[in-house]
Structures are given as structure tokens and as C-alpha cells.
Amino acid sequence: MGTAQKKVVVRMLGGALAWGYLPQSRFVAEGQVELMGVDGRVKLLPFNDIETIAYVKDFNVDDPIDPERMGRRAYAVRPKGDGLWVRLGFREVPALEGLVTFDMGLLEALVEDRGLFLTPPDARSNTVRVFVPREALRSVEVLGWVTAPSRRAKVERPREAGLFDDLAPGERE
């Protein structure tokens, strides 16, 4: 992946917030996250104190309560995407449902970044993607495996015998 920096809102245990820029993956080094603040200064955040990292469209710095503006935290119906449908339980914030990609990226995130990346339920919200460290999780519940209908295996149905199947093509008229 590229090293492009994306807008993030970091929610710490205890409710403290930090705004800044992070790469999309591999941002944990030596037990710390190097956050480029909105003022251009680098802040070192202890990884064990982070509850969530929300990749956002806008910072919403004026909102100290809910700058992520995630909207819904659970799906009303079956998700429209591919992956594992999970519900994550946290120590301090309400549970969050989302889709986790089920590929090598999942394993890399668990090993290198020591957590999970998921897509939240509300596609129209300010939050595009969420990273959750393993230490912040109280529970992980897999609710289902979701695939697009076009990716399902096509099943050939046997053709039913018709009334005129025994007639020659010229005799059917």
C-alpha cells in the first residue's frame, strides 16, 4: 500500500480525542502510533491507550462528543458488501457492527497492526473505515459471512420435460 496520509480521529481509552493524519496500515511502531496532528506536529500516542481510530471524511474538530459522526452502529438489515459481518464489544463505548474483509489483509492487520479494520454500517456517515486494536476489544462476535449474489456459484437446474419434447422441430408448429 502507498504511504498516503489519511484523516483520522483517534479515540483514546477514557474518552480523550486526537485529530490528525495516519497511513492506511502499518502505523504501529514500538508500541506507539505516530500521529501527524492537524497543526503539523507529530504526536506519539501509546498504542495500548487507543480505543478506535476512525478514518474520516472531515475532522469535525468543533464536536468533542462525536466527531466521527458514525450514525448507526448496527445494521438494520443484512449488509450490502463482501466479508465477515461482525459485532465488536468495547470496554467504554457501545458495540459496533461492521464488515471485515476476509482475505490476507485481515491476517496482516492482526499481525502487523495488532487489530481489526472494519467498514461501519452507515455508508453516508463521516466515518469511512475504523481500526480497532485488540486490546480495546471486550468481545468479537461473527454474525455472518456476506457475499455478493453475483459471486455465488451458479447451479444448473435440470430442464423440465415439456409437452411437445418428443416431436420433431418441424412438427411443433
N, C-alpha and C. Protein backbone atom coordinates (compact mmCIF):
# COMPACT_ATOMS: atom_id res chain seq x y z
N MET A 1 0.84 -1.19 0.00
CA MET A 1 0.00 0.00 0.00
C MET A 1 0.87 1.24 0.00
N GLY A 2 0.31 2.31 -0.49
CA GLY A 2 1.04 3.56 -0.51
C GLY A 2 1.16 4.16 0.87
N THR A 3 1.95 5.19 0.98
CA THR A 3 2.17 5.82 2.27
C THR A 3 1.35 7.10 2.42
N ALA A 4 0.28 7.23 1.67
CA ALA A 4 -0.56 8.42 1.76
C ALA A 4 -1.15 8.54 3.16
N GLN A 5 -1.19 9.74 3.67
CA GLN A 5 -1.74 10.00 4.98
C GLN A 5 -3.23 10.32 4.85
N LYS A 6 -4.04 9.71 5.68
CA LYS A 6 -5.49 9.90 5.66
C LYS A 6 -5.94 10.58 6.95
N LYS A 7 -7.06 11.29 6.88
CA LYS A 7 -7.61 11.97 8.05
C LYS A 7 -8.14 10.94 9.03
N VAL A 8 -7.79 11.11 10.32
CA VAL A 8 -8.27 10.20 11.35
C VAL A 8 -8.70 10.96 12.60
N VAL A 9 -9.62 10.34 13.33
CA VAL A 9 -9.97 10.77 14.67
C VAL A 9 -9.63 9.60 15.57
N VAL A 10 -8.72 9.82 16.52
CA VAL A 10 -8.29 8.77 17.43
C VAL A 10 -9.02 8.96 18.75
N ARG A 11 -9.75 7.93 19.16
CA ARG A 11 -10.46 7.94 20.44
C ARG A 11 -9.65 7.10 21.42
N MET A 12 -9.22 7.74 22.48
CA MET A 12 -8.40 7.07 23.50
C MET A 12 -9.30 6.48 24.58
N LEU A 13 -8.77 5.50 25.32
CA LEU A 13 -9.49 5.00 26.49
C LEU A 13 -9.67 6.17 27.46
N GLY A 14 -10.83 6.30 28.02
CA GLY A 14 -11.10 7.44 28.89
C GLY A 14 -11.81 8.57 28.16
N GLY A 15 -11.92 8.49 26.83
CA GLY A 15 -12.68 9.46 26.07
C GLY A 15 -11.90 10.59 25.42
N ALA A 16 -10.60 10.71 25.68
CA ALA A 16 -9.82 11.77 25.04
C ALA A 16 -9.76 11.55 23.53
N LEU A 17 -9.70 12.65 22.78
CA LEU A 17 -9.67 12.59 21.32
C LEU A 17 -8.41 13.23 20.77
N ALA A 18 -7.97 12.74 19.62
CA ALA A 18 -6.84 13.34 18.91
C ALA A 18 -7.18 13.32 17.42
N TRP A 19 -6.91 14.41 16.74
CA TRP A 19 -7.16 14.52 15.31
C TRP A 19 -5.84 14.59 14.58
N GLY A 20 -5.77 14.00 13.39
CA GLY A 20 -4.54 14.09 12.63
C GLY A 20 -4.56 13.20 11.40
N TYR A 21 -3.36 12.80 10.99
CA TYR A 21 -3.20 12.02 9.76
C TYR A 21 -2.38 10.77 10.06
N LEU A 22 -2.82 9.65 9.46
CA LEU A 22 -2.11 8.37 9.58
C LEU A 22 -2.14 7.66 8.23
N PRO A 23 -1.16 6.77 7.99
CA PRO A 23 -1.26 5.92 6.80
C PRO A 23 -2.39 4.91 6.98
N GLN A 24 -2.76 4.23 5.90
CA GLN A 24 -3.87 3.29 5.96
C GLN A 24 -3.53 2.00 6.70
N SER A 25 -2.28 1.68 6.84
CA SER A 25 -1.88 0.49 7.59
C SER A 25 -0.43 0.66 8.04
N ARG A 26 0.00 -0.27 8.86
CA ARG A 26 1.39 -0.29 9.37
C ARG A 26 1.78 1.03 10.04
N PHE A 27 0.96 1.45 10.97
CA PHE A 27 1.22 2.71 11.67
C PHE A 27 1.66 2.50 13.11
N VAL A 28 1.77 1.25 13.55
CA VAL A 28 2.22 0.96 14.91
C VAL A 28 3.70 0.63 14.87
N ALA A 29 4.48 1.35 15.67
CA ALA A 29 5.92 1.10 15.76
C ALA A 29 6.35 1.23 17.22
N GLU A 30 6.95 0.17 17.72
CA GLU A 30 7.47 0.16 19.07
C GLU A 30 6.43 0.53 20.12
N GLY A 31 5.21 0.02 19.94
CA GLY A 31 4.16 0.25 20.92
C GLY A 31 3.55 1.63 20.89
N GLN A 32 3.83 2.39 19.83
CA GLN A 32 3.29 3.74 19.72
C GLN A 32 2.76 4.00 18.32
N VAL A 33 1.86 4.96 18.23
CA VAL A 33 1.33 5.42 16.95
C VAL A 33 1.82 6.85 16.76
N GLU A 34 2.46 7.08 15.62
CA GLU A 34 2.97 8.41 15.29
C GLU A 34 1.90 9.16 14.51
N LEU A 35 1.18 10.04 15.19
CA LEU A 35 0.07 10.79 14.59
C LEU A 35 0.56 12.17 14.17
N MET A 36 0.40 12.48 12.89
CA MET A 36 0.70 13.84 12.42
C MET A 36 -0.53 14.68 12.72
N GLY A 37 -0.41 15.58 13.68
CA GLY A 37 -1.55 16.40 14.11
C GLY A 37 -2.00 17.38 13.04
N VAL A 38 -3.17 17.96 13.23
CA VAL A 38 -3.69 18.93 12.27
C VAL A 38 -2.83 20.20 12.25
N ASP A 39 -2.06 20.41 13.30
CA ASP A 39 -1.16 21.57 13.35
C ASP A 39 0.20 21.27 12.73
N GLY A 40 0.41 20.04 12.24
CA GLY A 40 1.66 19.67 11.59
C GLY A 40 2.69 19.07 12.52
N ARG A 41 2.39 18.97 13.80
CA ARG A 41 3.33 18.39 14.77
C ARG A 41 3.04 16.91 14.96
N VAL A 42 4.08 16.16 15.19
CA VAL A 42 3.94 14.72 15.41
C VAL A 42 3.66 14.46 16.89
N LYS A 43 2.61 13.65 17.13
CA LYS A 43 2.26 13.25 18.49
C LYS A 43 2.48 11.75 18.59
N LEU A 44 3.10 11.31 19.66
CA LEU A 44 3.27 9.88 19.92
C LEU A 44 2.18 9.44 20.88
N LEU A 45 1.33 8.53 20.40
CA LEU A 45 0.23 8.03 21.21
C LEU A 45 0.53 6.59 21.62
N PRO A 46 0.43 6.25 22.91
CA PRO A 46 0.64 4.86 23.32
C PRO A 46 -0.44 3.96 22.71
N PHE A 47 -0.03 2.93 22.01
CA PHE A 47 -0.95 2.06 21.31
C PHE A 47 -1.95 1.40 22.25
N ASN A 48 -1.52 1.03 23.45
CA ASN A 48 -2.40 0.34 24.40
C ASN A 48 -3.50 1.25 24.95
N ASP A 49 -3.39 2.57 24.76
CA ASP A 49 -4.40 3.51 25.25
C ASP A 49 -5.43 3.89 24.18
N ILE A 50 -5.30 3.35 22.97
CA ILE A 50 -6.20 3.70 21.88
C ILE A 50 -7.40 2.77 21.87
N GLU A 51 -8.60 3.35 21.77
CA GLU A 51 -9.82 2.55 21.68
C GLU A 51 -10.22 2.34 20.22
N THR A 52 -10.27 3.40 19.43
CA THR A 52 -10.56 3.27 18.00
C THR A 52 -9.81 4.34 17.22
N ILE A 53 -9.54 4.03 15.95
CA ILE A 53 -9.01 5.00 15.01
C ILE A 53 -10.01 5.04 13.87
N ALA A 54 -10.69 6.17 13.72
CA ALA A 54 -11.71 6.32 12.68
C ALA A 54 -11.13 7.12 11.52
N TYR A 55 -11.10 6.51 10.34
CA TYR A 55 -10.71 7.22 9.13
C TYR A 55 -11.92 7.98 8.65
N VAL A 56 -11.81 9.30 8.59
CA VAL A 56 -12.98 10.16 8.38
C VAL A 56 -12.85 11.02 7.13
N LYS A 57 -13.99 11.56 6.68
CA LYS A 57 -14.01 12.49 5.56
C LYS A 57 -13.65 13.90 6.05
N ASP A 58 -14.21 14.30 7.20
CA ASP A 58 -13.95 15.61 7.79
C ASP A 58 -13.58 15.44 9.26
N PHE A 59 -12.75 16.36 9.78
CA PHE A 59 -12.30 16.25 11.16
C PHE A 59 -13.39 16.55 12.19
N ASN A 60 -14.24 17.56 11.95
CA ASN A 60 -15.26 18.00 12.90
C ASN A 60 -14.64 18.29 14.26
N VAL A 61 -13.62 19.12 14.26
CA VAL A 61 -12.88 19.46 15.48
C VAL A 61 -13.77 20.17 16.49
N ASP A 62 -14.81 20.85 16.03
CA ASP A 62 -15.70 21.59 16.94
C ASP A 62 -16.62 20.67 17.74
N ASP A 63 -16.67 19.39 17.41
CA ASP A 63 -17.55 18.45 18.09
C ASP A 63 -16.72 17.52 18.98
N PRO A 64 -16.57 17.82 20.28
CA PRO A 64 -15.75 16.97 21.15
C PRO A 64 -16.47 15.70 21.62
N ILE A 65 -17.76 15.57 21.34
CA ILE A 65 -18.51 14.40 21.77
C ILE A 65 -18.49 13.30 20.71
N ASP A 66 -18.86 13.64 19.48
CA ASP A 66 -18.97 12.65 18.40
C ASP A 66 -18.40 13.19 17.09
N PRO A 67 -17.08 13.41 17.01
CA PRO A 67 -16.52 13.93 15.76
C PRO A 67 -16.52 12.92 14.63
N GLU A 68 -16.63 11.62 14.98
CA GLU A 68 -16.67 10.59 13.95
C GLU A 68 -17.98 10.62 13.19
N ARG A 69 -19.06 11.05 13.87
CA ARG A 69 -20.41 11.09 13.30
C ARG A 69 -20.73 9.82 12.55
N MET A 70 -20.62 8.73 13.28
CA MET A 70 -20.79 7.42 12.69
C MET A 70 -22.25 7.11 12.38
N GLY A 71 -23.19 7.76 13.01
CA GLY A 71 -24.60 7.48 12.76
C GLY A 71 -24.97 6.14 13.38
N ARG A 72 -25.41 5.23 12.56
CA ARG A 72 -25.78 3.90 13.05
C ARG A 72 -24.54 3.11 13.46
N ARG A 73 -24.68 2.33 14.51
CA ARG A 73 -23.59 1.46 14.96
C ARG A 73 -23.91 -0.01 14.71
N ALA A 74 -25.09 -0.25 14.11
CA ALA A 74 -25.51 -1.62 13.79
C ALA A 74 -26.29 -1.60 12.48
N TYR A 75 -26.29 -2.71 11.78
CA TYR A 75 -27.03 -2.83 10.54
C TYR A 75 -28.51 -3.06 10.84
N ALA A 76 -29.38 -2.40 10.09
CA ALA A 76 -30.82 -2.63 10.22
C ALA A 76 -31.21 -3.92 9.50
N VAL A 77 -30.56 -4.21 8.40
CA VAL A 77 -30.78 -5.42 7.61
C VAL A 77 -29.42 -5.99 7.24
N ARG A 78 -29.42 -7.07 6.47
CA ARG A 78 -28.18 -7.71 6.03
C ARG A 78 -27.29 -6.70 5.29
N PRO A 79 -25.99 -6.66 5.59
CA PRO A 79 -25.09 -5.70 4.92
C PRO A 79 -25.00 -5.96 3.42
N LYS A 80 -24.70 -4.88 2.68
CA LYS A 80 -24.52 -4.98 1.24
C LYS A 80 -23.04 -4.85 0.92
N GLY A 81 -22.32 -5.91 1.07
CA GLY A 81 -20.89 -5.91 0.81
C GLY A 81 -20.37 -7.32 1.00
N ASP A 82 -19.08 -7.49 0.82
CA ASP A 82 -18.46 -8.80 0.99
C ASP A 82 -17.61 -8.81 2.25
N GLY A 83 -17.65 -9.90 2.98
CA GLY A 83 -16.78 -10.06 4.14
C GLY A 83 -17.48 -10.68 5.32
N LEU A 84 -16.80 -10.64 6.45
CA LEU A 84 -17.37 -11.14 7.70
C LEU A 84 -18.16 -10.02 8.36
N TRP A 85 -19.38 -10.31 8.72
CA TRP A 85 -20.23 -9.37 9.43
C TRP A 85 -19.98 -9.61 10.91
N VAL A 86 -19.40 -8.63 11.60
CA VAL A 86 -19.00 -8.80 12.99
C VAL A 86 -19.64 -7.74 13.89
N ARG A 87 -19.74 -8.09 15.18
CA ARG A 87 -20.14 -7.13 16.21
C ARG A 87 -19.00 -7.09 17.21
N LEU A 88 -18.45 -5.89 17.42
CA LEU A 88 -17.33 -5.71 18.35
C LEU A 88 -17.84 -5.07 19.62
N GLY A 89 -17.48 -5.67 20.75
CA GLY A 89 -17.81 -5.11 22.05
C GLY A 89 -16.58 -4.42 22.63
N PHE A 90 -16.79 -3.22 23.18
CA PHE A 90 -15.69 -2.41 23.71
C PHE A 90 -15.79 -2.30 25.22
N ARG A 91 -14.74 -1.79 25.81
CA ARG A 91 -14.74 -1.56 27.25
C ARG A 91 -15.60 -0.35 27.61
N GLU A 92 -15.48 0.75 26.83
CA GLU A 92 -16.10 2.00 27.24
C GLU A 92 -17.16 2.55 26.29
N VAL A 93 -17.13 2.20 25.02
CA VAL A 93 -18.11 2.73 24.06
C VAL A 93 -19.08 1.62 23.67
N PRO A 94 -20.27 1.98 23.12
CA PRO A 94 -21.23 0.95 22.72
C PRO A 94 -20.68 0.03 21.62
N ALA A 95 -21.29 -1.14 21.49
CA ALA A 95 -20.87 -2.12 20.49
C ALA A 95 -20.99 -1.52 19.08
N LEU A 96 -20.18 -2.05 18.18
CA LEU A 96 -20.15 -1.57 16.80
C LEU A 96 -20.16 -2.76 15.87
N GLU A 97 -21.08 -2.74 14.89
CA GLU A 97 -21.09 -3.77 13.86
C GLU A 97 -20.38 -3.23 12.63
N GLY A 98 -19.88 -4.14 11.81
CA GLY A 98 -19.23 -3.74 10.57
C GLY A 98 -18.84 -4.94 9.75
N LEU A 99 -18.30 -4.66 8.58
CA LEU A 99 -17.81 -5.71 7.69
C LEU A 99 -16.29 -5.72 7.73
N VAL A 100 -15.73 -6.90 7.93
CA VAL A 100 -14.28 -7.09 7.93
C VAL A 100 -13.94 -7.88 6.67
N THR A 101 -12.97 -7.41 5.89
CA THR A 101 -12.58 -8.16 4.71
C THR A 101 -11.95 -9.48 5.15
N PHE A 102 -12.32 -10.53 4.47
CA PHE A 102 -11.83 -11.85 4.84
C PHE A 102 -10.83 -12.30 3.78
N ASP A 103 -9.60 -11.77 3.90
CA ASP A 103 -8.53 -12.09 2.97
C ASP A 103 -7.20 -11.94 3.71
N MET A 104 -6.11 -11.88 2.96
CA MET A 104 -4.80 -11.73 3.59
C MET A 104 -4.68 -10.42 4.35
N GLY A 105 -5.44 -9.40 3.95
CA GLY A 105 -5.42 -8.12 4.66
C GLY A 105 -5.85 -8.26 6.11
N LEU A 106 -6.79 -9.15 6.37
CA LEU A 106 -7.23 -9.40 7.73
C LEU A 106 -6.09 -9.96 8.57
N LEU A 107 -5.40 -10.93 8.02
CA LEU A 107 -4.28 -11.53 8.76
C LEU A 107 -3.14 -10.53 8.95
N GLU A 108 -2.85 -9.73 7.92
CA GLU A 108 -1.79 -8.72 8.05
C GLU A 108 -2.14 -7.71 9.13
N ALA A 109 -3.40 -7.27 9.17
CA ALA A 109 -3.81 -6.30 10.18
C ALA A 109 -3.68 -6.88 11.58
N LEU A 110 -4.06 -8.13 11.74
CA LEU A 110 -3.96 -8.75 13.05
C LEU A 110 -2.51 -8.91 13.50
N VAL A 111 -1.62 -9.23 12.56
CA VAL A 111 -0.22 -9.46 12.90
C VAL A 111 0.56 -8.15 12.99
N GLU A 112 0.49 -7.32 11.94
CA GLU A 112 1.32 -6.12 11.88
C GLU A 112 0.75 -4.94 12.67
N ASP A 113 -0.55 -4.71 12.54
CA ASP A 113 -1.16 -3.57 13.22
C ASP A 113 -1.84 -3.96 14.52
N ARG A 114 -1.91 -5.25 14.79
CA ARG A 114 -2.46 -5.77 16.04
C ARG A 114 -3.89 -5.32 16.31
N GLY A 115 -4.74 -5.46 15.28
CA GLY A 115 -6.14 -5.09 15.44
C GLY A 115 -6.93 -5.42 14.19
N LEU A 116 -8.15 -4.91 14.14
CA LEU A 116 -9.07 -5.17 13.02
C LEU A 116 -9.45 -3.89 12.31
N PHE A 117 -9.53 -3.95 10.99
CA PHE A 117 -10.10 -2.87 10.20
C PHE A 117 -11.50 -3.30 9.81
N LEU A 118 -12.47 -2.39 9.96
CA LEU A 118 -13.81 -2.73 9.52
C LEU A 118 -14.48 -1.53 8.87
N THR A 119 -15.47 -1.84 8.04
CA THR A 119 -16.29 -0.82 7.40
C THR A 119 -17.55 -0.68 8.23
N PRO A 120 -17.87 0.53 8.73
CA PRO A 120 -19.04 0.71 9.58
C PRO A 120 -20.35 0.60 8.78
N PRO A 121 -21.48 0.43 9.48
CA PRO A 121 -22.75 0.20 8.80
C PRO A 121 -23.29 1.37 7.98
N ASP A 122 -23.07 2.59 8.41
CA ASP A 122 -23.66 3.75 7.73
C ASP A 122 -22.70 4.29 6.69
N ALA A 123 -22.94 3.98 5.42
CA ALA A 123 -22.05 4.41 4.33
C ALA A 123 -22.10 5.92 4.11
N ARG A 124 -23.15 6.58 4.56
CA ARG A 124 -23.28 8.03 4.37
C ARG A 124 -22.69 8.83 5.52
N SER A 125 -22.15 8.15 6.53
CA SER A 125 -21.63 8.87 7.69
C SER A 125 -20.26 9.47 7.38
N ASN A 126 -19.72 10.17 8.34
CA ASN A 126 -18.41 10.79 8.22
C ASN A 126 -17.29 9.75 8.28
N THR A 127 -17.53 8.62 8.92
CA THR A 127 -16.51 7.59 9.10
C THR A 127 -16.53 6.60 7.94
N VAL A 128 -15.38 6.43 7.30
CA VAL A 128 -15.25 5.55 6.15
C VAL A 128 -14.77 4.16 6.58
N ARG A 129 -13.87 4.13 7.54
CA ARG A 129 -13.22 2.90 7.97
C ARG A 129 -12.81 3.06 9.42
N VAL A 130 -12.78 1.96 10.18
CA VAL A 130 -12.43 2.02 11.59
C VAL A 130 -11.37 0.96 11.88
N PHE A 131 -10.36 1.35 12.63
CA PHE A 131 -9.37 0.39 13.13
C PHE A 131 -9.59 0.24 14.63
N VAL A 132 -9.63 -1.01 15.08
CA VAL A 132 -9.84 -1.30 16.50
C VAL A 132 -8.70 -2.17 16.98
N PRO A 133 -7.89 -1.69 17.93
CA PRO A 133 -6.82 -2.53 18.50
C PRO A 133 -7.41 -3.70 19.29
N ARG A 134 -6.71 -4.81 19.29
CA ARG A 134 -7.18 -5.98 20.04
C ARG A 134 -7.34 -5.67 21.52
N GLU A 135 -6.47 -4.84 22.07
CA GLU A 135 -6.52 -4.52 23.50
C GLU A 135 -7.79 -3.78 23.88
N ALA A 136 -8.41 -3.07 22.94
CA ALA A 136 -9.62 -2.31 23.23
C ALA A 136 -10.89 -3.15 23.17
N LEU A 137 -10.77 -4.36 22.64
CA LEU A 137 -11.94 -5.21 22.46
C LEU A 137 -12.29 -5.99 23.72
N ARG A 138 -13.55 -6.05 24.00
CA ARG A 138 -14.06 -6.90 25.07
C ARG A 138 -14.59 -8.20 24.47
N SER A 139 -15.18 -8.09 23.25
CA SER A 139 -15.72 -9.28 22.59
C SER A 139 -15.76 -9.08 21.08
N VAL A 140 -15.72 -10.20 20.35
CA VAL A 140 -15.88 -10.21 18.89
C VAL A 140 -16.87 -11.32 18.57
N GLU A 141 -17.95 -10.95 17.89
CA GLU A 141 -18.97 -11.92 17.54
C GLU A 141 -19.15 -11.90 16.02
N VAL A 142 -18.97 -13.04 15.38
CA VAL A 142 -19.18 -13.14 13.94
C VAL A 142 -20.66 -13.41 13.71
N LEU A 143 -21.33 -12.48 13.02
CA LEU A 143 -22.77 -12.59 12.78
C LEU A 143 -23.09 -13.28 11.47
N GLY A 144 -22.13 -13.30 10.55
CA GLY A 144 -22.39 -13.96 9.28
C GLY A 144 -21.28 -13.73 8.27
N TRP A 145 -21.37 -14.48 7.19
CA TRP A 145 -20.46 -14.34 6.04
C TRP A 145 -21.31 -13.79 4.93
N VAL A 146 -20.95 -12.62 4.41
CA VAL A 146 -21.76 -11.95 3.41
C VAL A 146 -21.01 -11.96 2.08
N THR A 147 -21.68 -12.41 1.03
CA THR A 147 -21.11 -12.36 -0.31
C THR A 147 -22.12 -11.73 -1.25
N ALA A 148 -21.63 -11.17 -2.32
CA ALA A 148 -22.50 -10.58 -3.33
C ALA A 148 -23.20 -11.70 -4.10
N PRO A 149 -24.46 -11.51 -4.51
CA PRO A 149 -25.17 -12.55 -5.24
C PRO A 149 -24.46 -12.98 -6.52
N SER A 150 -23.75 -12.08 -7.17
CA SER A 150 -23.07 -12.42 -8.42
C SER A 150 -21.88 -13.36 -8.20
N ARG A 151 -21.39 -13.46 -6.98
CA ARG A 151 -20.24 -14.32 -6.71
C ARG A 151 -20.65 -15.72 -6.26
N ARG A 152 -21.91 -15.93 -6.05
CA ARG A 152 -22.36 -17.26 -5.65
C ARG A 152 -22.23 -18.22 -6.82
N ALA A 153 -22.02 -19.46 -6.51
CA ALA A 153 -21.88 -20.48 -7.56
C ALA A 153 -23.21 -20.65 -8.29
N LYS A 154 -23.15 -20.69 -9.59
CA LYS A 154 -24.34 -20.89 -10.41
C LYS A 154 -24.70 -22.37 -10.39
N VAL A 155 -25.93 -22.66 -10.13
CA VAL A 155 -26.41 -24.03 -10.09
C VAL A 155 -27.25 -24.28 -11.33
N GLU A 156 -26.87 -25.31 -12.08
CA GLU A 156 -27.64 -25.69 -13.27
C GLU A 156 -28.87 -26.46 -12.83
N ARG A 157 -30.02 -25.96 -13.21
CA ARG A 157 -31.26 -26.66 -12.89
C ARG A 157 -31.61 -27.58 -14.05
N PRO A 158 -32.06 -28.78 -13.74
CA PRO A 158 -32.45 -29.68 -14.83
C PRO A 158 -33.68 -29.12 -15.56
N ARG A 159 -33.66 -29.26 -16.87
CA ARG A 159 -34.75 -28.76 -17.69
C ARG A 159 -35.93 -29.70 -17.55
N GLU A 160 -37.10 -29.12 -17.29
CA GLU A 160 -38.30 -29.94 -17.16
C GLU A 160 -38.76 -30.40 -18.54
N ALA A 161 -39.26 -31.59 -18.59
CA ALA A 161 -39.76 -32.12 -19.86
C ALA A 161 -41.03 -31.38 -20.25
N GLY A 162 -41.07 -30.93 -21.50
CA GLY A 162 -42.23 -30.22 -22.00
C GLY A 162 -43.22 -31.15 -22.67
N LEU A 163 -44.38 -30.61 -22.98
CA LEU A 163 -45.43 -31.40 -23.59
C LEU A 163 -45.07 -31.88 -24.98
N PHE A 164 -44.31 -31.06 -25.73
CA PHE A 164 -44.02 -31.38 -27.13
C PHE A 164 -42.55 -31.75 -27.37
N ASP A 165 -41.82 -32.19 -26.32
CA ASP A 165 -40.42 -32.52 -26.47
C ASP A 165 -40.17 -33.72 -27.38
N ASP A 166 -41.12 -34.63 -27.50
CA ASP A 166 -40.91 -35.82 -28.32
C ASP A 166 -41.19 -35.56 -29.80
N LEU A 167 -41.68 -34.36 -30.16
CA LEU A 167 -41.96 -34.02 -31.55
C LEU A 167 -40.71 -33.48 -32.22
N ALA A 168 -40.61 -33.69 -33.49
CA ALA A 168 -39.52 -33.13 -34.27
C ALA A 168 -39.74 -31.64 -34.42
N PRO A 169 -38.67 -30.83 -34.65
CA PRO A 169 -38.81 -29.37 -34.72
C PRO A 169 -39.86 -28.94 -35.76
N GLY A 170 -40.02 -29.59 -36.87
CA GLY A 170 -41.00 -29.18 -37.87
C GLY A 170 -42.43 -29.50 -37.47
N GLU A 171 -42.63 -30.43 -36.57
CA GLU A 171 -43.95 -30.84 -36.18
C GLU A 171 -44.55 -29.98 -35.08
N ARG A 172 -43.75 -29.11 -34.45
CA ARG A 172 -44.22 -28.30 -33.31
C ARG A 172 -45.14 -27.16 -33.72
N GLU A 173 -45.18 -26.82 -34.97
CA GLU A 173 -45.95 -25.64 -35.39
C GLU A 173 -47.38 -25.89 -35.52
